[in-house]
Amino acid sequence: VPDLTTLARMYLDKSFSLQERWMVTKMIYGAQSDKYDYHMVGFNEDTLTLFLNEVGFCNIERVGNFNLGFQDTSEMVYKGYFVSLNMA
Protein backbone atom coordinates (compact mmCIF):
# COMPACT_ATOMS: atom_id res chain seq x y z
CA VAL A 1 0.00 0.00 0.00
CA PRO A 2 1.54 3.34 -0.96
CA ASP A 3 1.95 5.77 1.97
CA LEU A 4 0.03 8.85 0.86
CA THR A 5 1.69 11.12 3.44
CA THR A 6 5.16 10.16 2.24
CA LEU A 7 4.16 10.45 -1.41
CA ALA A 8 2.72 13.93 -0.81
CA ARG A 9 6.00 15.01 0.80
CA MET A 10 7.89 13.58 -2.15
CA TYR A 11 5.67 15.34 -4.69
CA LEU A 12 6.23 18.66 -2.93
CA ASP A 13 9.99 18.13 -2.58
CA LYS A 14 11.53 20.99 -4.57
CA SER A 15 14.63 18.92 -5.34
CA PHE A 16 12.60 16.47 -7.48
CA SER A 17 12.64 16.98 -11.23
CA LEU A 18 9.46 16.92 -13.28
CA GLN A 19 10.20 13.33 -14.33
CA GLU A 20 10.72 12.31 -10.69
CA ARG A 21 7.43 13.95 -9.66
CA TRP A 22 5.75 12.07 -12.51
CA MET A 23 7.11 8.83 -11.04
CA VAL A 24 5.60 9.82 -7.67
CA THR A 25 2.28 10.54 -9.41
CA LYS A 26 2.32 7.00 -10.81
CA MET A 27 2.97 5.66 -7.31
CA ILE A 28 -0.07 7.57 -6.02
CA TYR A 29 -2.53 6.60 -8.77
CA GLY A 30 -0.92 3.43 -10.12
CA ALA A 31 1.04 3.44 -13.34
CA GLN A 32 -2.19 2.56 -15.21
CA SER A 33 -0.19 0.33 -17.52
CA ASP A 34 -2.96 -2.28 -17.60
CA LYS A 35 -6.52 -2.68 -16.31
CA TYR A 36 -5.29 -3.81 -12.86
CA ASP A 37 -2.67 -1.12 -12.27
CA TYR A 38 -4.87 1.54 -10.65
CA HIS A 39 -5.09 2.81 -7.08
CA MET A 40 -8.66 3.72 -6.20
CA VAL A 41 -7.96 5.22 -2.77
CA GLY A 42 -4.99 6.50 -0.79
CA PHE A 43 -4.10 5.74 2.80
CA ASN A 44 -1.77 7.05 5.43
CA GLU A 45 -0.96 5.27 8.68
CA ASP A 46 -3.92 6.77 10.56
CA THR A 47 -6.56 6.06 7.93
CA LEU A 48 -5.38 2.52 7.19
CA THR A 49 -5.26 1.73 10.93
CA LEU A 50 -8.80 3.09 11.33
CA PHE A 51 -10.21 0.91 8.57
CA LEU A 52 -8.30 -2.19 9.68
CA ASN A 53 -9.65 -1.70 13.22
CA GLU A 54 -13.19 -1.30 11.88
CA VAL A 55 -13.04 -4.74 10.26
CA GLY A 56 -11.67 -6.47 13.34
CA PHE A 57 -7.89 -6.24 13.15
CA CYS A 58 -6.16 -5.29 16.39
CA ASN A 59 -2.65 -4.53 17.65
CA ILE A 60 -1.82 -2.99 14.28
CA GLU A 61 1.64 -1.56 13.87
CA ARG A 62 3.80 -0.28 11.08
CA VAL A 63 6.60 -2.63 10.04
CA GLY A 64 9.59 -2.09 7.80
CA ASN A 65 8.97 -5.14 5.67
CA PHE A 66 7.14 -8.45 5.65
CA ASN A 67 10.19 -10.72 5.18
CA LEU A 68 8.52 -12.36 2.20
CA GLY A 69 11.66 -14.00 0.88
CA PHE A 70 11.44 -12.01 -2.36
CA GLN A 71 11.50 -8.34 -3.26
CA ASP A 72 8.33 -6.50 -4.13
CA THR A 73 7.19 -2.89 -3.96
CA SER A 74 6.50 -3.19 -0.22
CA GLU A 75 10.26 -2.67 0.17
CA MET A 76 10.55 0.13 -2.41
CA VAL A 77 12.76 3.12 -1.66
CA TYR A 78 12.71 6.01 -4.12
CA LYS A 79 15.17 8.91 -3.79
CA GLY A 80 15.74 8.01 -0.15
CA TYR A 81 12.04 7.75 0.75
CA PHE A 82 10.50 4.47 1.91
CA VAL A 83 7.20 4.64 -0.01
CA SER A 84 5.14 1.70 1.27
CA LEU A 85 2.77 1.69 4.21
CA ASN A 86 3.46 -1.76 5.63
CA MET A 87 1.11 -2.61 8.48
CA ALA A 88 0.89 -5.87 10.40
PDB file of N, CA and C in Angstrom:
ATOM      1  N   VAL A   1       0.859  -1.177   0.000  1.00  0.00           N
ATOM      2  CA  VAL A   1       0.000   0.000   0.000  1.00  0.00           C
ATOM      3  C   VAL A   1       0.901   1.234   0.000  1.00  0.00           C
ATOM      4  N   PRO A   2       0.746   2.112  -0.953  1.00  0.00           N
ATOM      5  CA  PRO A   2       1.540   3.339  -0.956  1.00  0.00           C
ATOM      6  C   PRO A   2       1.175   4.227   0.239  1.00  0.00           C
ATOM      7  N   ASP A   3       2.165   4.854   0.843  1.00  0.00           N
ATOM      8  CA  ASP A   3       1.952   5.768   1.969  1.00  0.00           C
ATOM      9  C   ASP A   3       1.683   7.160   1.406  1.00  0.00           C
ATOM     10  N   LEU A   4       0.430   7.585   1.473  1.00  0.00           N
ATOM     11  CA  LEU A   4       0.034   8.847   0.856  1.00  0.00           C
ATOM     12  C   LEU A   4       0.739  10.045   1.482  1.00  0.00           C
ATOM     13  N   THR A   5       0.977  10.015   2.786  1.00  0.00           N
ATOM     14  CA  THR A   5       1.685  11.120   3.437  1.00  0.00           C
ATOM     15  C   THR A   5       3.100  11.251   2.884  1.00  0.00           C
ATOM     16  N   THR A   6       3.808  10.143   2.783  1.00  0.00           N
ATOM     17  CA  THR A   6       5.162  10.163   2.240  1.00  0.00           C
ATOM     18  C   THR A   6       5.156  10.604   0.784  1.00  0.00           C
ATOM     19  N   LEU A   7       4.215  10.083   0.003  1.00  0.00           N
ATOM     20  CA  LEU A   7       4.160  10.452  -1.413  1.00  0.00           C
ATOM     21  C   LEU A   7       3.839  11.932  -1.596  1.00  0.00           C
ATOM     22  N   ALA A   8       3.008  12.495  -0.730  1.00  0.00           N
ATOM     23  CA  ALA A   8       2.718  13.933  -0.807  1.00  0.00           C
ATOM     24  C   ALA A   8       3.980  14.743  -0.512  1.00  0.00           C
ATOM     25  N   ARG A   9       4.731  14.333   0.496  1.00  0.00           N
ATOM     26  CA  ARG A   9       5.997  15.012   0.797  1.00  0.00           C
ATOM     27  C   ARG A   9       6.946  14.935  -0.396  1.00  0.00           C
ATOM     28  N   MET A  10       7.009  13.764  -1.001  1.00  0.00           N
ATOM     29  CA  MET A  10       7.889  13.580  -2.149  1.00  0.00           C
ATOM     30  C   MET A  10       7.466  14.486  -3.305  1.00  0.00           C
ATOM     31  N   TYR A  11       6.169  14.535  -3.572  1.00  0.00           N
ATOM     32  CA  TYR A  11       5.674  15.338  -4.686  1.00  0.00           C
ATOM     33  C   TYR A  11       5.997  16.820  -4.487  1.00  0.00           C
ATOM     34  N   LEU A  12       5.959  17.259  -3.236  1.00  0.00           N
ATOM     35  CA  LEU A  12       6.232  18.662  -2.933  1.00  0.00           C
ATOM     36  C   LEU A  12       7.711  18.975  -2.736  1.00  0.00           C
ATOM     37  N   ASP A  13       8.554  17.959  -2.770  1.00  0.00           N
ATOM     38  CA  ASP A  13       9.991  18.129  -2.579  1.00  0.00           C
ATOM     39  C   ASP A  13      10.560  18.906  -3.769  1.00  0.00           C
ATOM     40  N   LYS A  14      11.042  20.102  -3.509  1.00  0.00           N
ATOM     41  CA  LYS A  14      11.528  20.995  -4.573  1.00  0.00           C
ATOM     42  C   LYS A  14      12.747  20.442  -5.299  1.00  0.00           C
ATOM     43  N   SER A  15      13.440  19.471  -4.689  1.00  0.00           N
ATOM     44  CA  SER A  15      14.628  18.922  -5.344  1.00  0.00           C
ATOM     45  C   SER A  15      14.273  17.894  -6.423  1.00  0.00           C
ATOM     46  N   PHE A  16      13.015  17.462  -6.476  1.00  0.00           N
ATOM     47  CA  PHE A  16      12.599  16.470  -7.480  1.00  0.00           C
ATOM     48  C   PHE A  16      12.401  17.148  -8.829  1.00  0.00           C
ATOM     49  N   SER A  17      12.871  16.488  -9.869  1.00  0.00           N
ATOM     50  CA  SER A  17      12.637  16.979 -11.231  1.00  0.00           C
ATOM     51  C   SER A  17      11.193  16.669 -11.640  1.00  0.00           C
ATOM     52  N   LEU A  18      10.797  17.204 -12.756  1.00  0.00           N
ATOM     53  CA  LEU A  18       9.461  16.923 -13.285  1.00  0.00           C
ATOM     54  C   LEU A  18       9.281  15.428 -13.524  1.00  0.00           C
ATOM     55  N   GLN A  19      10.287  14.766 -14.072  1.00  0.00           N
ATOM     56  CA  GLN A  19      10.198  13.327 -14.325  1.00  0.00           C
ATOM     57  C   GLN A  19      10.090  12.538 -13.020  1.00  0.00           C
ATOM     58  N   GLU A  20      10.794  12.978 -11.989  1.00  0.00           N
ATOM     59  CA  GLU A  20      10.717  12.306 -10.693  1.00  0.00           C
ATOM     60  C   GLU A  20       9.348  12.524 -10.038  1.00  0.00           C
ATOM     61  N   ARG A  21       8.792  13.715 -10.170  1.00  0.00           N
ATOM     62  CA  ARG A  21       7.426  13.947  -9.655  1.00  0.00           C
ATOM     63  C   ARG A  21       6.408  13.119 -10.429  1.00  0.00           C
ATOM     64  N   TRP A  22       6.646  12.920 -11.727  1.00  0.00           N
ATOM     65  CA  TRP A  22       5.748  12.067 -12.509  1.00  0.00           C
ATOM     66  C   TRP A  22       5.801  10.629 -11.988  1.00  0.00           C
ATOM     67  N   MET A  23       6.979  10.162 -11.625  1.00  0.00           N
ATOM     68  CA  MET A  23       7.108   8.827 -11.041  1.00  0.00           C
ATOM     69  C   MET A  23       6.307   8.742  -9.735  1.00  0.00           C
ATOM     70  N   VAL A  24       6.372   9.778  -8.916  1.00  0.00           N
ATOM     71  CA  VAL A  24       5.598   9.818  -7.667  1.00  0.00           C
ATOM     72  C   VAL A  24       4.107   9.801  -7.986  1.00  0.00           C
ATOM     73  N   THR A  25       3.690  10.540  -9.001  1.00  0.00           N
ATOM     74  CA  THR A  25       2.284  10.539  -9.409  1.00  0.00           C
ATOM     75  C   THR A  25       1.829   9.128  -9.758  1.00  0.00           C
ATOM     76  N   LYS A  26       2.663   8.381 -10.467  1.00  0.00           N
ATOM     77  CA  LYS A  26       2.316   6.999 -10.812  1.00  0.00           C
ATOM     78  C   LYS A  26       2.253   6.111  -9.570  1.00  0.00           C
ATOM     79  N   MET A  27       3.055   6.414  -8.561  1.00  0.00           N
ATOM     80  CA  MET A  27       2.968   5.660  -7.306  1.00  0.00           C
ATOM     81  C   MET A  27       1.644   5.954  -6.595  1.00  0.00           C
ATOM     82  N   ILE A  28       1.182   7.188  -6.679  1.00  0.00           N
ATOM     83  CA  ILE A  28      -0.066   7.570  -6.020  1.00  0.00           C
ATOM     84  C   ILE A  28      -1.265   6.926  -6.708  1.00  0.00           C
ATOM     85  N   TYR A  29      -1.346   7.026  -8.024  1.00  0.00           N
ATOM     86  CA  TYR A  29      -2.527   6.596  -8.772  1.00  0.00           C
ATOM     87  C   TYR A  29      -2.393   5.235  -9.441  1.00  0.00           C
ATOM     88  N   GLY A  30      -1.216   4.637  -9.347  1.00  0.00           N
ATOM     89  CA  GLY A  30      -0.924   3.434 -10.117  1.00  0.00           C
ATOM     90  C   GLY A  30      -0.393   3.872 -11.467  1.00  0.00           C
ATOM     91  N   ALA A  31       0.449   3.073 -12.049  1.00  0.00           N
ATOM     92  CA  ALA A  31       1.044   3.442 -13.338  1.00  0.00           C
ATOM     93  C   ALA A  31       0.021   3.387 -14.465  1.00  0.00           C
ATOM     94  N   GLN A  32      -1.097   2.682 -14.241  1.00  0.00           N
ATOM     95  CA  GLN A  32      -2.186   2.556 -15.211  1.00  0.00           C
ATOM     96  C   GLN A  32      -1.686   1.942 -16.517  1.00  0.00           C
ATOM     97  N   SER A  33      -0.754   0.999 -16.360  1.00  0.00           N
ATOM     98  CA  SER A  33      -0.190   0.334 -17.524  1.00  0.00           C
ATOM     99  C   SER A  33      -1.056  -0.824 -18.019  1.00  0.00           C
ATOM    100  N   ASP A  34      -1.987  -1.269 -17.192  1.00  0.00           N
ATOM    101  CA  ASP A  34      -2.962  -2.279 -17.601  1.00  0.00           C
ATOM    102  C   ASP A  34      -4.218  -2.098 -16.747  1.00  0.00           C
ATOM    103  N   LYS A  35      -5.235  -2.898 -16.978  1.00  0.00           N
ATOM    104  CA  LYS A  35      -6.524  -2.679 -16.308  1.00  0.00           C
ATOM    105  C   LYS A  35      -6.490  -2.937 -14.807  1.00  0.00           C
ATOM    106  N   TYR A  36      -5.406  -3.532 -14.296  1.00  0.00           N
ATOM    107  CA  TYR A  36      -5.291  -3.812 -12.864  1.00  0.00           C
ATOM    108  C   TYR A  36      -4.377  -2.841 -12.122  1.00  0.00           C
ATOM    109  N   ASP A  37      -3.694  -1.983 -12.855  1.00  0.00           N
ATOM    110  CA  ASP A  37      -2.665  -1.120 -12.273  1.00  0.00           C
ATOM    111  C   ASP A  37      -3.214   0.264 -11.948  1.00  0.00           C
ATOM    112  N   TYR A  38      -4.237   0.299 -11.084  1.00  0.00           N
ATOM    113  CA  TYR A  38      -4.868   1.540 -10.646  1.00  0.00           C
ATOM    114  C   TYR A  38      -4.990   1.525  -9.129  1.00  0.00           C
ATOM    115  N   HIS A  39      -4.803   2.669  -8.508  1.00  0.00           N
ATOM    116  CA  HIS A  39      -5.089   2.813  -7.083  1.00  0.00           C
ATOM    117  C   HIS A  39      -6.371   3.629  -6.973  1.00  0.00           C
ATOM    118  N   MET A  40      -7.353   3.070  -6.297  1.00  0.00           N
ATOM    119  CA  MET A  40      -8.661   3.716  -6.201  1.00  0.00           C
ATOM    120  C   MET A  40      -8.799   4.608  -4.974  1.00  0.00           C
ATOM    121  N   VAL A  41      -7.896   4.444  -4.007  1.00  0.00           N
ATOM    122  CA  VAL A  41      -7.955   5.219  -2.771  1.00  0.00           C
ATOM    123  C   VAL A  41      -6.544   5.327  -2.218  1.00  0.00           C
ATOM    124  N   GLY A  42      -6.288   6.345  -1.430  1.00  0.00           N
ATOM    125  CA  GLY A  42      -4.988   6.504  -0.793  1.00  0.00           C
ATOM    126  C   GLY A  42      -5.118   6.424   0.709  1.00  0.00           C
ATOM    127  N   PHE A  43      -4.105   5.874   1.349  1.00  0.00           N
ATOM    128  CA  PHE A  43      -4.105   5.738   2.804  1.00  0.00           C
ATOM    129  C   PHE A  43      -2.829   6.331   3.382  1.00  0.00           C
ATOM    130  N   ASN A  44      -2.944   6.812   4.615  1.00  0.00           N
ATOM    131  CA  ASN A  44      -1.767   7.055   5.426  1.00  0.00           C
ATOM    132  C   ASN A  44      -1.892   6.139   6.642  1.00  0.00           C
ATOM    133  N   GLU A  45      -0.953   6.202   7.551  1.00  0.00           N
ATOM    134  CA  GLU A  45      -0.958   5.266   8.676  1.00  0.00           C
ATOM    135  C   GLU A  45      -2.235   5.376   9.503  1.00  0.00           C
ATOM    136  N   ASP A  46      -2.701   6.591   9.757  1.00  0.00           N
ATOM    137  CA  ASP A  46      -3.916   6.774  10.563  1.00  0.00           C
ATOM    138  C   ASP A  46      -5.153   6.213   9.885  1.00  0.00           C
ATOM    139  N   THR A  47      -5.338   6.513   8.598  1.00  0.00           N
ATOM    140  CA  THR A  47      -6.556   6.056   7.934  1.00  0.00           C
ATOM    141  C   THR A  47      -6.556   4.550   7.726  1.00  0.00           C
ATOM    142  N   LEU A  48      -5.417   3.973   7.375  1.00  0.00           N
ATOM    143  CA  LEU A  48      -5.384   2.520   7.194  1.00  0.00           C
ATOM    144  C   LEU A  48      -5.614   1.810   8.525  1.00  0.00           C
ATOM    145  N   THR A  49      -5.027   2.320   9.599  1.00  0.00           N
ATOM    146  CA  THR A  49      -5.258   1.734  10.928  1.00  0.00           C
ATOM    147  C   THR A  49      -6.732   1.808  11.295  1.00  0.00           C
ATOM    148  N   LEU A  50      -7.376   2.931  11.046  1.00  0.00           N
ATOM    149  CA  LEU A  50      -8.799   3.090  11.332  1.00  0.00           C
ATOM    150  C   LEU A  50      -9.631   2.030  10.622  1.00  0.00           C
ATOM    151  N   PHE A  51      -9.418   1.876   9.328  1.00  0.00           N
ATOM    152  CA  PHE A  51     -10.211   0.912   8.568  1.00  0.00           C
ATOM    153  C   PHE A  51      -9.895  -0.532   8.952  1.00  0.00           C
ATOM    154  N   LEU A  52      -8.642  -0.838   9.240  1.00  0.00           N
ATOM    155  CA  LEU A  52      -8.299  -2.191   9.682  1.00  0.00           C
ATOM    156  C   LEU A  52      -8.952  -2.497  11.032  1.00  0.00           C
ATOM    157  N   ASN A  53      -8.967  -1.513  11.937  1.00  0.00           N
ATOM    158  CA  ASN A  53      -9.655  -1.698  13.223  1.00  0.00           C
ATOM    159  C   ASN A  53     -11.150  -1.923  13.030  1.00  0.00           C
ATOM    160  N   GLU A  54     -11.750  -1.183  12.120  1.00  0.00           N
ATOM    161  CA  GLU A  54     -13.194  -1.299  11.879  1.00  0.00           C
ATOM    162  C   GLU A  54     -13.608  -2.682  11.400  1.00  0.00           C
ATOM    163  N   VAL A  55     -12.709  -3.399  10.750  1.00  0.00           N
ATOM    164  CA  VAL A  55     -13.044  -4.741  10.264  1.00  0.00           C
ATOM    165  C   VAL A  55     -12.487  -5.851  11.156  1.00  0.00           C
ATOM    166  N   GLY A  56     -12.021  -5.469  12.355  1.00  0.00           N
ATOM    167  CA  GLY A  56     -11.668  -6.471  13.341  1.00  0.00           C
ATOM    168  C   GLY A  56     -10.204  -6.732  13.595  1.00  0.00           C
ATOM    169  N   PHE A  57      -9.316  -6.075  12.869  1.00  0.00           N
ATOM    170  CA  PHE A  57      -7.888  -6.243  13.153  1.00  0.00           C
ATOM    171  C   PHE A  57      -7.536  -5.468  14.413  1.00  0.00           C
ATOM    172  N   CYS A  58      -6.583  -5.972  15.176  1.00  0.00           N
ATOM    173  CA  CYS A  58      -6.157  -5.288  16.393  1.00  0.00           C
ATOM    174  C   CYS A  58      -4.644  -5.367  16.519  1.00  0.00           C
ATOM    175  N   ASN A  59      -4.100  -4.577  17.435  1.00  0.00           N
ATOM    176  CA  ASN A  59      -2.647  -4.527  17.648  1.00  0.00           C
ATOM    177  C   ASN A  59      -1.893  -4.260  16.350  1.00  0.00           C
ATOM    178  N   ILE A  60      -2.395  -3.324  15.582  1.00  0.00           N
ATOM    179  CA  ILE A  60      -1.816  -2.990  14.278  1.00  0.00           C
ATOM    180  C   ILE A  60      -0.612  -2.095  14.495  1.00  0.00           C
ATOM    181  N   GLU A  61       0.463  -2.408  13.796  1.00  0.00           N
ATOM    182  CA  GLU A  61       1.645  -1.562  13.868  1.00  0.00           C
ATOM    183  C   GLU A  61       2.316  -1.500  12.504  1.00  0.00           C
ATOM    184  N   ARG A  62       3.042  -0.430  12.318  1.00  0.00           N
ATOM    185  CA  ARG A  62       3.799  -0.278  11.078  1.00  0.00           C
ATOM    186  C   ARG A  62       5.066  -1.114  11.172  1.00  0.00           C
ATOM    187  N   VAL A  63       5.385  -1.812  10.094  1.00  0.00           N
ATOM    188  CA  VAL A  63       6.596  -2.633  10.043  1.00  0.00           C
ATOM    189  C   VAL A  63       7.421  -2.214   8.832  1.00  0.00           C
ATOM    190  N   GLY A  64       8.706  -2.459   8.906  1.00  0.00           N
ATOM    191  CA  GLY A  64       9.593  -2.090   7.800  1.00  0.00           C
ATOM    192  C   GLY A  64       9.388  -2.939   6.569  1.00  0.00           C
ATOM    193  N   ASN A  65       9.222  -4.248   6.786  1.00  0.00           N
ATOM    194  CA  ASN A  65       8.968  -5.144   5.668  1.00  0.00           C
ATOM    195  C   ASN A  65       8.277  -6.393   6.195  1.00  0.00           C
ATOM    196  N   PHE A  66       7.881  -7.243   5.286  1.00  0.00           N
ATOM    197  CA  PHE A  66       7.139  -8.447   5.652  1.00  0.00           C
ATOM    198  C   PHE A  66       8.003  -9.707   5.598  1.00  0.00           C
ATOM    199  N   ASN A  67       9.297  -9.560   5.281  1.00  0.00           N
ATOM    200  CA  ASN A  67      10.195 -10.716   5.184  1.00  0.00           C
ATOM    201  C   ASN A  67       9.593 -11.813   4.311  1.00  0.00           C
ATOM    202  N   LEU A  68       9.201 -11.435   3.109  1.00  0.00           N
ATOM    203  CA  LEU A  68       8.521 -12.356   2.201  1.00  0.00           C
ATOM    204  C   LEU A  68       9.450 -13.369   1.542  1.00  0.00           C
ATOM    205  N   GLY A  69      10.728 -13.108   1.558  1.00  0.00           N
ATOM    206  CA  GLY A  69      11.661 -14.000   0.885  1.00  0.00           C
ATOM    207  C   GLY A  69      11.890 -13.615  -0.564  1.00  0.00           C
ATOM    208  N   PHE A  70      11.229 -12.562  -1.020  1.00  0.00           N
ATOM    209  CA  PHE A  70      11.435 -12.014  -2.361  1.00  0.00           C
ATOM    210  C   PHE A  70      11.165 -10.521  -2.289  1.00  0.00           C
ATOM    211  N   GLN A  71      11.700  -9.780  -3.244  1.00  0.00           N
ATOM    212  CA  GLN A  71      11.499  -8.342  -3.256  1.00  0.00           C
ATOM    213  C   GLN A  71      10.240  -7.982  -4.022  1.00  0.00           C
ATOM    214  N   ASP A  72       9.474  -7.082  -3.431  1.00  0.00           N
ATOM    215  CA  ASP A  72       8.328  -6.502  -4.131  1.00  0.00           C
ATOM    216  C   ASP A  72       8.277  -5.021  -3.770  1.00  0.00           C
ATOM    217  N   THR A  73       7.236  -4.334  -4.189  1.00  0.00           N
ATOM    218  CA  THR A  73       7.190  -2.890  -3.958  1.00  0.00           C
ATOM    219  C   THR A  73       6.951  -2.525  -2.496  1.00  0.00           C
ATOM    220  N   SER A  74       6.643  -3.495  -1.642  1.00  0.00           N
ATOM    221  CA  SER A  74       6.500  -3.186  -0.218  1.00  0.00           C
ATOM    222  C   SER A  74       7.842  -2.792   0.398  1.00  0.00           C
ATOM    223  N   GLU A  75       8.936  -3.042  -0.308  1.00  0.00           N
ATOM    224  CA  GLU A  75      10.264  -2.666   0.166  1.00  0.00           C
ATOM    225  C   GLU A  75      10.865  -1.526  -0.654  1.00  0.00           C
ATOM    226  N   MET A  76      10.047  -0.878  -1.476  1.00  0.00           N
ATOM    227  CA  MET A  76      10.551   0.128  -2.405  1.00  0.00           C
ATOM    228  C   MET A  76      11.030   1.392  -1.692  1.00  0.00           C
ATOM    229  N   VAL A  77      12.209   1.839  -2.088  1.00  0.00           N
ATOM    230  CA  VAL A  77      12.760   3.116  -1.659  1.00  0.00           C
ATOM    231  C   VAL A  77      13.022   3.916  -2.928  1.00  0.00           C
ATOM    232  N   TYR A  78      12.518   5.148  -2.958  1.00  0.00           N
ATOM    233  CA  TYR A  78      12.714   6.006  -4.121  1.00  0.00           C
ATOM    234  C   TYR A  78      13.298   7.330  -3.644  1.00  0.00           C
ATOM    235  N   LYS A  79      14.474   7.661  -4.144  1.00  0.00           N
ATOM    236  CA  LYS A  79      15.169   8.911  -3.787  1.00  0.00           C
ATOM    237  C   LYS A  79      15.284   9.066  -2.274  1.00  0.00           C
ATOM    238  N   GLY A  80      15.544   7.965  -1.588  1.00  0.00           N
ATOM    239  CA  GLY A  80      15.739   8.009  -0.152  1.00  0.00           C
ATOM    240  C   GLY A  80      14.477   7.907   0.691  1.00  0.00           C
ATOM    241  N   TYR A  81      13.313   7.859   0.049  1.00  0.00           N
ATOM    242  CA  TYR A  81      12.040   7.751   0.754  1.00  0.00           C
ATOM    243  C   TYR A  81      11.546   6.307   0.703  1.00  0.00           C
ATOM    244  N   PHE A  82      11.132   5.779   1.832  1.00  0.00           N
ATOM    245  CA  PHE A  82      10.495   4.473   1.915  1.00  0.00           C
ATOM    246  C   PHE A  82       9.017   4.693   1.611  1.00  0.00           C
ATOM    247  N   VAL A  83       8.500   4.204   0.492  1.00  0.00           N
ATOM    248  CA  VAL A  83       7.199   4.640  -0.010  1.00  0.00           C
ATOM    249  C   VAL A  83       6.009   3.775   0.409  1.00  0.00           C
ATOM    250  N   SER A  84       6.251   2.599   0.952  1.00  0.00           N
ATOM    251  CA  SER A  84       5.136   1.700   1.266  1.00  0.00           C
ATOM    252  C   SER A  84       4.685   1.834   2.711  1.00  0.00           C
ATOM    253  N   LEU A  85       3.412   1.651   2.898  1.00  0.00           N
ATOM    254  CA  LEU A  85       2.772   1.691   4.215  1.00  0.00           C
ATOM    255  C   LEU A  85       2.536   0.246   4.628  1.00  0.00           C
ATOM    256  N   ASN A  86       3.526  -0.355   5.241  1.00  0.00           N
ATOM    257  CA  ASN A  86       3.461  -1.761   5.626  1.00  0.00           C
ATOM    258  C   ASN A  86       2.920  -1.882   7.046  1.00  0.00           C
ATOM    259  N   MET A  87       1.765  -2.472   7.177  1.00  0.00           N
ATOM    260  CA  MET A  87       1.106  -2.611   8.477  1.00  0.00           C
ATOM    261  C   MET A  87       0.890  -4.084   8.769  1.00  0.00           C
ATOM    262  N   ALA A  88       1.106  -4.464  10.001  1.00  0.00           N
ATOM    263  CA  ALA A  88       0.886  -5.866  10.397  1.00  0.00           C
ATOM    264  C   ALA A  88       0.169  -5.895  11.742  1.00  0.00           C
TER     265      ALA A  88
END
